[in-house]
């Protein structure tokens, strides 16, 4: 049997999601970009599975309402009480503030904020317009800044809380056509570390996850199929992560099991060089 990393092989199937263990029992969690089938919705579902009440948010109101209804049904008898949907475009400061005010008004407090909103795309640098650059930076980096600022504004006075930002391995690694996205995600990493340093004296933690490739049905809208095939081959398991596999790491960072961790960026990846 060949052990070469370049040798073709049939990827093993992903494992089954683990059972919940009450890691977020009684917590109130806000998740941005939670509609649809990506990391945000998977994170909201895992938080519910671990006992949290969840405020799901997204700029797409119809998809958000559908997702919230599905999550409430999946959560069981008390699902309608534990799931709350609030539309928010992270490009709009007023809407971001309303999201966190609404979460507090609905559940009485805010324990965890997961900032997942981002915009990608593949464009060679020499062909990239100012508008394309600015659009990705505004949603992916500045949007995360707006949300982190809003969350900390409410968490610091209460002297507790956790923020988890979604970065990317592209914040560390180069990939053609991804200059805008990589720059934004590197900025998310730096923002996370600086925010953690400011929040630590108040007992508030700020960390980030850095996924390599997370599989969902709309992934090829941002990445061409041929490029996706190459990226999958770079992973040691020969596949991208299931979105719930990334969500599990977010739940860990949100939980008391990571109580000493702040200012960290955790890679959720099986890439080899």
C-alpha atoms as a PDB file:
ATOM      1  CA  UNK A   1       0.000   0.000   0.000  1.00  0.00           C
ATOM      2  CA  UNK A   2       1.397   3.384  -0.996  1.00  0.00           C
ATOM      3  CA  UNK A   3       1.818   5.958   1.769  1.00  0.00           C
ATOM      4  CA  UNK A   4       2.687   8.854  -0.540  1.00  0.00           C
ATOM      5  CA  UNK A   5       0.656  11.977   0.193  1.00  0.00           C
ATOM      6  CA  UNK A   6       0.303  12.452  -3.552  1.00  0.00           C
ATOM      7  CA  UNK A   7      -1.050   8.973  -4.180  1.00  0.00           C
ATOM      8  CA  UNK A   8      -4.759   8.894  -5.097  1.00  0.00           C
ATOM      9  CA  UNK A   9      -7.080   7.192  -2.643  1.00  0.00           C
ATOM     10  CA  UNK A  10     -10.764   6.926  -1.853  1.00  0.00           C
ATOM     11  CA  UNK A  11     -11.495   9.387   0.944  1.00  0.00           C
ATOM     12  CA  UNK A  12     -12.952   7.783   4.060  1.00  0.00           C
ATOM     13  CA  UNK A  13     -16.476   8.964   4.832  1.00  0.00           C
ATOM     14  CA  UNK A  14     -16.875  11.660   7.468  1.00  0.00           C
ATOM     15  CA  UNK A  15     -17.739  10.451  10.957  1.00  0.00           C
ATOM     16  CA  UNK A  16     -21.126  10.883  12.558  1.00  0.00           C
ATOM     17  CA  UNK A  17     -21.665  14.027  14.607  1.00  0.00           C
ATOM     18  CA  UNK A  18     -21.066  13.393  18.312  1.00  0.00           C
ATOM     19  CA  UNK A  19     -23.849  13.512  20.870  1.00  0.00           C
ATOM     20  CA  UNK A  20     -24.342  16.706  22.831  1.00  0.00           C
ATOM     21  CA  UNK A  21     -22.932  16.957  26.354  1.00  0.00           C
ATOM     22  CA  UNK A  22     -24.503  20.161  27.622  1.00  0.00           C
ATOM     23  CA  UNK A  23     -21.356  22.208  26.996  1.00  0.00           C
ATOM     24  CA  UNK A  24     -23.412  25.391  26.534  1.00  0.00           C
ATOM     25  CA  UNK A  25     -26.314  24.570  28.824  1.00  0.00           C
ATOM     26  CA  UNK A  26     -28.214  27.740  29.721  1.00  0.00           C
ATOM     27  CA  UNK A  27     -26.005  30.003  27.579  1.00  0.00           C
ATOM     28  CA  UNK A  28     -27.303  32.629  25.155  1.00  0.00           C
ATOM     29  CA  UNK A  29     -25.477  32.583  21.813  1.00  0.00           C
ATOM     30  CA  UNK A  30     -25.647  34.958  18.844  1.00  0.00           C
ATOM     31  CA  UNK A  31     -24.534  33.557  15.472  1.00  0.00           C
ATOM     32  CA  UNK A  32     -24.194  35.796  12.411  1.00  0.00           C
ATOM     33  CA  UNK A  33     -24.590  34.527   8.833  1.00  0.00           C
ATOM     34  CA  UNK A  34     -26.562  31.600  10.237  1.00  0.00           C
ATOM     35  CA  UNK A  35     -29.050  31.036   7.401  1.00  0.00           C
ATOM     36  CA  UNK A  36     -28.575  28.387   4.737  1.00  0.00           C
ATOM     37  CA  UNK A  37     -26.202  25.425   4.899  1.00  0.00           C
ATOM     38  CA  UNK A  38     -22.796  26.840   5.878  1.00  0.00           C
ATOM     39  CA  UNK A  39     -20.704  27.020   9.033  1.00  0.00           C
ATOM     40  CA  UNK A  40     -23.042  29.554  10.639  1.00  0.00           C
ATOM     41  CA  UNK A  41     -26.158  27.395  10.526  1.00  0.00           C
ATOM     42  CA  UNK A  42     -24.140  24.328  11.571  1.00  0.00           C
ATOM     43  CA  UNK A  43     -22.786  26.283  14.528  1.00  0.00           C
ATOM     44  CA  UNK A  44     -26.241  27.441  15.589  1.00  0.00           C
ATOM     45  CA  UNK A  45     -27.473  23.841  15.457  1.00  0.00           C
ATOM     46  CA  UNK A  46     -24.521  22.523  17.464  1.00  0.00           C
ATOM     47  CA  UNK A  47     -25.033  25.260  20.070  1.00  0.00           C
ATOM     48  CA  UNK A  48     -28.690  24.231  20.378  1.00  0.00           C
ATOM     49  CA  UNK A  49     -27.600  20.603  20.634  1.00  0.00           C
ATOM     50  CA  UNK A  50     -25.308  21.595  23.508  1.00  0.00           C
ATOM     51  CA  UNK A  51     -28.126  23.262  25.437  1.00  0.00           C
ATOM     52  CA  UNK A  52     -27.882  26.933  24.405  1.00  0.00           C
ATOM     53  CA  UNK A  53     -30.562  29.381  23.412  1.00  0.00           C
ATOM     54  CA  UNK A  54     -29.566  30.829  20.054  1.00  0.00           C
ATOM     55  CA  UNK A  55     -30.206  34.077  18.219  1.00  0.00           C
ATOM     56  CA  UNK A  56     -29.638  33.380  14.529  1.00  0.00           C
ATOM     57  CA  UNK A  57     -28.964  36.294  12.216  1.00  0.00           C
ATOM     58  CA  UNK A  58     -28.408  36.828   8.519  1.00  0.00           C
ATOM     59  CA  UNK A  59     -28.824  39.513   5.873  1.00  0.00           C
ATOM     60  CA  UNK A  60     -31.140  37.225   3.865  1.00  0.00           C
ATOM     61  CA  UNK A  61     -34.448  37.520   5.734  1.00  0.00           C
ATOM     62  CA  UNK A  62     -36.381  34.802   3.897  1.00  0.00           C
ATOM     63  CA  UNK A  63     -33.649  32.203   4.285  1.00  0.00           C
ATOM     64  CA  UNK A  64     -33.180  33.277   7.892  1.00  0.00           C
ATOM     65  CA  UNK A  65     -36.849  32.738   8.714  1.00  0.00           C
ATOM     66  CA  UNK A  66     -36.811  29.305   7.052  1.00  0.00           C
ATOM     67  CA  UNK A  67     -33.619  28.301   8.856  1.00  0.00           C
ATOM     68  CA  UNK A  68     -34.898  29.460  12.237  1.00  0.00           C
ATOM     69  CA  UNK A  69     -38.131  27.516  11.748  1.00  0.00           C
ATOM     70  CA  UNK A  70     -36.180  24.366  10.871  1.00  0.00           C
ATOM     71  CA  UNK A  71     -33.861  24.772  13.873  1.00  0.00           C
ATOM     72  CA  UNK A  72     -36.762  25.305  16.249  1.00  0.00           C
ATOM     73  CA  UNK A  73     -38.407  22.114  15.002  1.00  0.00           C
ATOM     74  CA  UNK A  74     -35.142  20.174  15.305  1.00  0.00           C
ATOM     75  CA  UNK A  75     -34.566  21.430  18.861  1.00  0.00           C
ATOM     76  CA  UNK A  76     -37.670  19.694  20.172  1.00  0.00           C
ATOM     77  CA  UNK A  77     -40.493  20.764  22.460  1.00  0.00           C
ATOM     78  CA  UNK A  78     -38.822  23.962  23.671  1.00  0.00           C
ATOM     79  CA  UNK A  79     -37.296  24.857  20.296  1.00  0.00           C
ATOM     80  CA  UNK A  80     -39.594  27.805  19.676  1.00  0.00           C
ATOM     81  CA  UNK A  81     -38.485  29.297  23.005  1.00  0.00           C
ATOM     82  CA  UNK A  82     -34.767  28.717  22.409  1.00  0.00           C
ATOM     83  CA  UNK A  83     -34.478  29.965  18.791  1.00  0.00           C
ATOM     84  CA  UNK A  84     -34.883  33.609  17.885  1.00  0.00           C
ATOM     85  CA  UNK A  85     -34.201  35.162  14.471  1.00  0.00           C
ATOM     86  CA  UNK A  86     -33.068  38.741  13.868  1.00  0.00           C
ATOM     87  CA  UNK A  87     -32.068  39.990  10.423  1.00  0.00           C
ATOM     88  CA  UNK A  88     -28.792  41.893  10.268  1.00  0.00           C
ATOM     89  CA  UNK A  89     -26.515  43.156   7.507  1.00  0.00           C
ATOM     90  CA  UNK A  90     -23.071  43.425   9.084  1.00  0.00           C
ATOM     91  CA  UNK A  91     -22.279  46.328   6.742  1.00  0.00           C
ATOM     92  CA  UNK A  92     -24.799  48.420   8.683  1.00  0.00           C
ATOM     93  CA  UNK A  93     -23.668  49.598  12.123  1.00  0.00           C
ATOM     94  CA  UNK A  94     -27.213  50.362  13.288  1.00  0.00           C
ATOM     95  CA  UNK A  95     -28.412  46.863  12.366  1.00  0.00           C
ATOM     96  CA  UNK A  96     -25.470  45.302  14.182  1.00  0.00           C
ATOM     97  CA  UNK A  97     -26.332  47.234  17.328  1.00  0.00           C
ATOM     98  CA  UNK A  98     -29.982  46.238  17.009  1.00  0.00           C
ATOM     99  CA  UNK A  99     -28.968  42.574  16.742  1.00  0.00           C
ATOM    100  CA  UNK A 100     -27.200  42.554  20.098  1.00  0.00           C
ATOM    101  CA  UNK A 101     -29.825  44.737  21.761  1.00  0.00           C
ATOM    102  CA  UNK A 102     -32.498  42.384  20.438  1.00  0.00           C
ATOM    103  CA  UNK A 103     -30.693  39.308  21.727  1.00  0.00           C
ATOM    104  CA  UNK A 104     -30.426  40.836  25.182  1.00  0.00           C
ATOM    105  CA  UNK A 105     -34.062  41.945  25.117  1.00  0.00           C
ATOM    106  CA  UNK A 106     -35.220  38.440  24.116  1.00  0.00           C
ATOM    107  CA  UNK A 107     -33.130  36.360  26.528  1.00  0.00           C
ATOM    108  CA  UNK A 108     -32.014  38.842  29.184  1.00  0.00           C
ATOM    109  CA  UNK A 109     -28.283  38.551  28.560  1.00  0.00           C
ATOM    110  CA  UNK A 110     -25.546  37.684  26.059  1.00  0.00           C
ATOM    111  CA  UNK A 111     -22.977  34.958  26.755  1.00  0.00           C
ATOM    112  CA  UNK A 112     -21.438  34.049  23.392  1.00  0.00           C
ATOM    113  CA  UNK A 113     -21.118  35.828  20.041  1.00  0.00           C
ATOM    114  CA  UNK A 114     -20.037  33.860  16.956  1.00  0.00           C
ATOM    115  CA  UNK A 115     -19.128  36.092  14.021  1.00  0.00           C
ATOM    116  CA  UNK A 116     -19.314  34.123  10.813  1.00  0.00           C
ATOM    117  CA  UNK A 117     -20.310  36.618   8.104  1.00  0.00           C
ATOM    118  CA  UNK A 118     -17.917  36.754   5.173  1.00  0.00           C
ATOM    119  CA  UNK A 119     -17.732  37.188   1.422  1.00  0.00           C
ATOM    120  CA  UNK A 120     -15.362  35.365  -0.921  1.00  0.00           C
ATOM    121  CA  UNK A 121     -14.730  35.017  -4.628  1.00  0.00           C
ATOM    122  CA  UNK A 122     -11.861  34.222  -6.959  1.00  0.00           C
ATOM    123  CA  UNK A 123     -10.294  37.118  -8.893  1.00  0.00           C
ATOM    124  CA  UNK A 124      -6.660  37.539 -10.003  1.00  0.00           C
ATOM    125  CA  UNK A 125      -5.113  40.538  -8.299  1.00  0.00           C
ATOM    126  CA  UNK A 126      -4.371  42.321 -11.567  1.00  0.00           C
ATOM    127  CA  UNK A 127      -8.033  42.041 -12.572  1.00  0.00           C
ATOM    128  CA  UNK A 128      -9.474  42.899  -9.158  1.00  0.00           C
ATOM    129  CA  UNK A 129     -11.423  46.144  -9.001  1.00  0.00           C
ATOM    130  CA  UNK A 130     -11.522  48.526  -6.067  1.00  0.00           C
ATOM    131  CA  UNK A 131     -15.177  47.623  -5.637  1.00  0.00           C
ATOM    132  CA  UNK A 132     -14.438  43.887  -5.430  1.00  0.00           C
ATOM    133  CA  UNK A 133     -11.655  44.504  -2.912  1.00  0.00           C
ATOM    134  CA  UNK A 134     -13.737  46.863  -0.796  1.00  0.00           C
ATOM    135  CA  UNK A 135     -16.829  44.644  -0.811  1.00  0.00           C
ATOM    136  CA  UNK A 136     -14.939  41.631   0.548  1.00  0.00           C
ATOM    137  CA  UNK A 137     -13.099  43.715   3.137  1.00  0.00           C
ATOM    138  CA  UNK A 138     -16.271  45.478   4.282  1.00  0.00           C
ATOM    139  CA  UNK A 139     -18.217  42.289   4.981  1.00  0.00           C
ATOM    140  CA  UNK A 140     -15.431  39.926   6.019  1.00  0.00           C
ATOM    141  CA  UNK A 141     -13.167  42.196   8.074  1.00  0.00           C
ATOM    142  CA  UNK A 142     -15.040  45.402   8.867  1.00  0.00           C
ATOM    143  CA  UNK A 143     -18.239  43.451   9.481  1.00  0.00           C
ATOM    144  CA  UNK A 144     -16.400  41.292  12.004  1.00  0.00           C
ATOM    145  CA  UNK A 145     -15.027  44.458  13.595  1.00  0.00           C
ATOM    146  CA  UNK A 146     -18.523  45.945  13.904  1.00  0.00           C
ATOM    147  CA  UNK A 147     -19.878  42.761  15.462  1.00  0.00           C
ATOM    148  CA  UNK A 148     -16.929  42.301  17.819  1.00  0.00           C
ATOM    149  CA  UNK A 149     -17.224  45.914  18.942  1.00  0.00           C
ATOM    150  CA  UNK A 150     -20.949  45.523  19.570  1.00  0.00           C
ATOM    151  CA  UNK A 151     -20.481  42.271  21.486  1.00  0.00           C
ATOM    152  CA  UNK A 152     -17.672  43.636  23.665  1.00  0.00           C
ATOM    153  CA  UNK A 153     -19.618  46.825  24.369  1.00  0.00           C
ATOM    154  CA  UNK A 154     -22.206  44.617  26.050  1.00  0.00           C
ATOM    155  CA  UNK A 155     -19.917  41.947  27.523  1.00  0.00           C
ATOM    156  CA  UNK A 156     -17.257  44.096  29.188  1.00  0.00           C
ATOM    157  CA  UNK A 157     -19.646  45.763  31.667  1.00  0.00           C
ATOM    158  CA  UNK A 158     -21.054  42.367  32.687  1.00  0.00           C
ATOM    159  CA  UNK A 159     -17.485  41.024  33.063  1.00  0.00           C
ATOM    160  CA  UNK A 160     -18.154  37.782  31.254  1.00  0.00           C
ATOM    161  CA  UNK A 161     -18.645  36.533  27.741  1.00  0.00           C
ATOM    162  CA  UNK A 162     -16.968  34.827  24.802  1.00  0.00           C
ATOM    163  CA  UNK A 163     -16.452  35.961  21.211  1.00  0.00           C
ATOM    164  CA  UNK A 164     -15.506  33.496  18.472  1.00  0.00           C
ATOM    165  CA  UNK A 165     -14.616  34.928  15.054  1.00  0.00           C
ATOM    166  CA  UNK A 166     -14.413  32.910  11.850  1.00  0.00           C
ATOM    167  CA  UNK A 167     -11.087  33.405  10.075  1.00  0.00           C
ATOM    168  CA  UNK A 168      -9.500  31.110   7.444  1.00  0.00           C
ATOM    169  CA  UNK A 169      -6.245  29.304   6.775  1.00  0.00           C
ATOM    170  CA  UNK A 170      -5.881  31.773   3.908  1.00  0.00           C
ATOM    171  CA  UNK A 171      -4.990  34.318   6.552  1.00  0.00           C
ATOM    172  CA  UNK A 172      -1.748  32.332   6.822  1.00  0.00           C
ATOM    173  CA  UNK A 173      -1.383  30.707   3.398  1.00  0.00           C
ATOM    174  CA  UNK A 174      -1.269  32.054  -0.135  1.00  0.00           C
ATOM    175  CA  UNK A 175      -3.772  31.031  -2.790  1.00  0.00           C
ATOM    176  CA  UNK A 176      -4.106  32.540  -6.270  1.00  0.00           C
ATOM    177  CA  UNK A 177      -7.161  34.703  -6.785  1.00  0.00           C
ATOM    178  CA  UNK A 178      -7.780  35.185  -3.076  1.00  0.00           C
ATOM    179  CA  UNK A 179      -5.850  38.384  -2.262  1.00  0.00           C
ATOM    180  CA  UNK A 180      -8.922  40.245  -0.982  1.00  0.00           C
ATOM    181  CA  UNK A 181     -10.283  37.330   1.053  1.00  0.00           C
ATOM    182  CA  UNK A 182      -6.883  36.346   2.459  1.00  0.00           C
ATOM    183  CA  UNK A 183      -6.130  39.925   3.471  1.00  0.00           C
ATOM    184  CA  UNK A 184      -9.515  40.192   5.177  1.00  0.00           C
ATOM    185  CA  UNK A 185      -9.082  36.919   7.075  1.00  0.00           C
ATOM    186  CA  UNK A 186      -5.553  37.855   8.167  1.00  0.00           C
ATOM    187  CA  UNK A 187      -7.134  41.044   9.465  1.00  0.00           C
ATOM    188  CA  UNK A 188      -9.727  39.013  11.389  1.00  0.00           C
ATOM    189  CA  UNK A 189      -6.880  37.146  13.082  1.00  0.00           C
ATOM    190  CA  UNK A 190      -5.139  40.374  14.101  1.00  0.00           C
ATOM    191  CA  UNK A 191      -8.433  41.923  15.224  1.00  0.00           C
ATOM    192  CA  UNK A 192      -9.112  38.841  17.364  1.00  0.00           C
ATOM    193  CA  UNK A 193      -5.742  39.029  19.116  1.00  0.00           C
ATOM    194  CA  UNK A 194      -6.026  42.766  19.824  1.00  0.00           C
ATOM    195  CA  UNK A 195      -9.602  42.444  21.053  1.00  0.00           C
ATOM    196  CA  UNK A 196      -8.558  39.591  23.349  1.00  0.00           C
ATOM    197  CA  UNK A 197      -5.824  41.718  24.909  1.00  0.00           C
ATOM    198  CA  UNK A 198      -8.304  44.513  25.623  1.00  0.00           C
ATOM    199  CA  UNK A 199     -11.047  42.197  26.912  1.00  0.00           C
ATOM    200  CA  UNK A 200      -8.968  39.980  29.203  1.00  0.00           C
ATOM    201  CA  UNK A 201      -8.994  42.361  32.213  1.00  0.00           C
ATOM    202  CA  UNK A 202     -12.806  42.152  32.134  1.00  0.00           C
ATOM    203  CA  UNK A 203     -12.924  38.354  32.070  1.00  0.00           C
ATOM    204  CA  UNK A 204     -14.069  38.233  28.450  1.00  0.00           C
ATOM    205  CA  UNK A 205     -12.391  35.876  25.968  1.00  0.00           C
ATOM    206  CA  UNK A 206     -11.940  36.378  22.212  1.00  0.00           C
ATOM    207  CA  UNK A 207     -10.695  33.600  19.911  1.00  0.00           C
ATOM    208  CA  UNK A 208     -11.011  32.581  16.269  1.00  0.00           C
ATOM    209  CA  UNK A 209     -11.275  29.433  14.195  1.00  0.00           C
ATOM    210  CA  UNK A 210      -9.383  29.098  10.933  1.00  0.00           C
ATOM    211  CA  UNK A 211     -10.972  26.479   8.653  1.00  0.00           C
ATOM    212  CA  UNK A 212      -9.270  25.259   5.510  1.00  0.00           C
ATOM    213  CA  UNK A 213     -12.127  23.820   3.441  1.00  0.00           C
ATOM    214  CA  UNK A 214     -15.655  23.290   4.765  1.00  0.00           C
ATOM    215  CA  UNK A 215     -18.096  21.483   2.493  1.00  0.00           C
ATOM    216  CA  UNK A 216     -21.557  22.877   1.809  1.00  0.00           C
ATOM    217  CA  UNK A 217     -23.844  22.868  -1.258  1.00  0.00           C
ATOM    218  CA  UNK A 218     -23.088  26.435  -2.349  1.00  0.00           C
ATOM    219  CA  UNK A 219     -19.318  26.287  -2.028  1.00  0.00           C
ATOM    220  CA  UNK A 220     -18.766  26.289  -5.789  1.00  0.00           C
ATOM    221  CA  UNK A 221     -20.419  29.686  -6.069  1.00  0.00           C
ATOM    222  CA  UNK A 222     -17.197  31.123  -4.661  1.00  0.00           C
ATOM    223  CA  UNK A 223     -14.705  28.478  -5.807  1.00  0.00           C
ATOM    224  CA  UNK A 224     -14.748  26.755  -9.236  1.00  0.00           C
ATOM    225  CA  UNK A 225     -15.235  22.981  -9.225  1.00  0.00           C
ATOM    226  CA  UNK A 226     -11.737  22.299 -10.595  1.00  0.00           C
ATOM    227  CA  UNK A 227     -10.190  24.385  -7.823  1.00  0.00           C
ATOM    228  CA  UNK A 228     -12.319  22.595  -5.236  1.00  0.00           C
ATOM    229  CA  UNK A 229     -10.995  19.256  -6.446  1.00  0.00           C
ATOM    230  CA  UNK A 230      -7.426  20.484  -5.965  1.00  0.00           C
ATOM    231  CA  UNK A 231      -8.211  21.796  -2.476  1.00  0.00           C
ATOM    232  CA  UNK A 232      -9.787  18.489  -1.450  1.00  0.00           C
ATOM    233  CA  UNK A 233      -6.669  16.624  -2.587  1.00  0.00           C
ATOM    234  CA  UNK A 234      -4.562  18.822  -0.335  1.00  0.00           C
ATOM    235  CA  UNK A 235      -6.456  17.633   2.731  1.00  0.00           C
ATOM    236  CA  UNK A 236      -5.040  14.567   4.453  1.00  0.00           C
ATOM    237  CA  UNK A 237      -8.500  12.992   4.595  1.00  0.00           C
ATOM    238  CA  UNK A 238      -9.078  13.715   0.909  1.00  0.00           C
ATOM    239  CA  UNK A 239     -12.182  15.737   1.708  1.00  0.00           C
ATOM    240  CA  UNK A 240     -13.202  19.057   3.149  1.00  0.00           C
ATOM    241  CA  UNK A 241     -14.519  19.309   6.676  1.00  0.00           C
ATOM    242  CA  UNK A 242     -18.188  18.844   7.334  1.00  0.00           C
ATOM    243  CA  UNK A 243     -19.572  22.147   8.562  1.00  0.00           C
ATOM    244  CA  UNK A 244     -20.453  20.577  11.911  1.00  0.00           C
ATOM    245  CA  UNK A 245     -16.801  19.588  12.344  1.00  0.00           C
ATOM    246  CA  UNK A 246     -15.873  23.270  12.268  1.00  0.00           C
ATOM    247  CA  UNK A 247     -18.858  24.068  14.489  1.00  0.00           C
ATOM    248  CA  UNK A 248     -17.588  21.602  17.109  1.00  0.00           C
ATOM    249  CA  UNK A 249     -14.391  23.615  17.495  1.00  0.00           C
ATOM    250  CA  UNK A 250     -16.401  26.828  17.765  1.00  0.00           C
ATOM    251  CA  UNK A 251     -18.515  25.226  20.507  1.00  0.00           C
ATOM    252  CA  UNK A 252     -15.339  24.205  22.338  1.00  0.00           C
ATOM    253  CA  UNK A 253     -14.029  27.775  22.215  1.00  0.00           C
ATOM    254  CA  UNK A 254     -17.417  29.071  23.371  1.00  0.00           C
ATOM    255  CA  UNK A 255     -17.555  26.659  26.294  1.00  0.00           C
ATOM    256  CA  UNK A 256     -15.907  26.650  29.703  1.00  0.00           C
ATOM    257  CA  UNK A 257     -13.595  23.867  28.489  1.00  0.00           C
ATOM    258  CA  UNK A 258     -11.454  26.578  26.858  1.00  0.00           C
ATOM    259  CA  UNK A 259     -11.517  28.938  29.857  1.00  0.00           C
ATOM    260  CA  UNK A 260      -7.770  29.728  29.673  1.00  0.00           C
ATOM    261  CA  UNK A 261      -7.720  30.357  25.929  1.00  0.00           C
ATOM    262  CA  UNK A 262      -7.934  33.877  24.533  1.00  0.00           C
ATOM    263  CA  UNK A 263      -6.287  35.606  21.593  1.00  0.00           C
ATOM    264  CA  UNK A 264      -5.840  32.243  19.870  1.00  0.00           C
ATOM    265  CA  UNK A 265      -6.559  31.277  16.256  1.00  0.00           C
ATOM    266  CA  UNK A 266      -7.318  27.549  16.030  1.00  0.00           C
ATOM    267  CA  UNK A 267      -6.782  25.898  12.670  1.00  0.00           C
ATOM    268  CA  UNK A 268      -9.556  23.481  11.705  1.00  0.00           C
ATOM    269  CA  UNK A 269      -7.661  21.771   8.934  1.00  0.00           C
ATOM    270  CA  UNK A 270      -6.052  18.567   7.720  1.00  0.00           C
ATOM    271  CA  UNK A 271      -3.969  20.245   5.027  1.00  0.00           C
ATOM    272  CA  UNK A 272      -0.438  19.106   4.362  1.00  0.00           C
ATOM    273  CA  UNK A 273       2.191  21.463   2.887  1.00  0.00           C
END
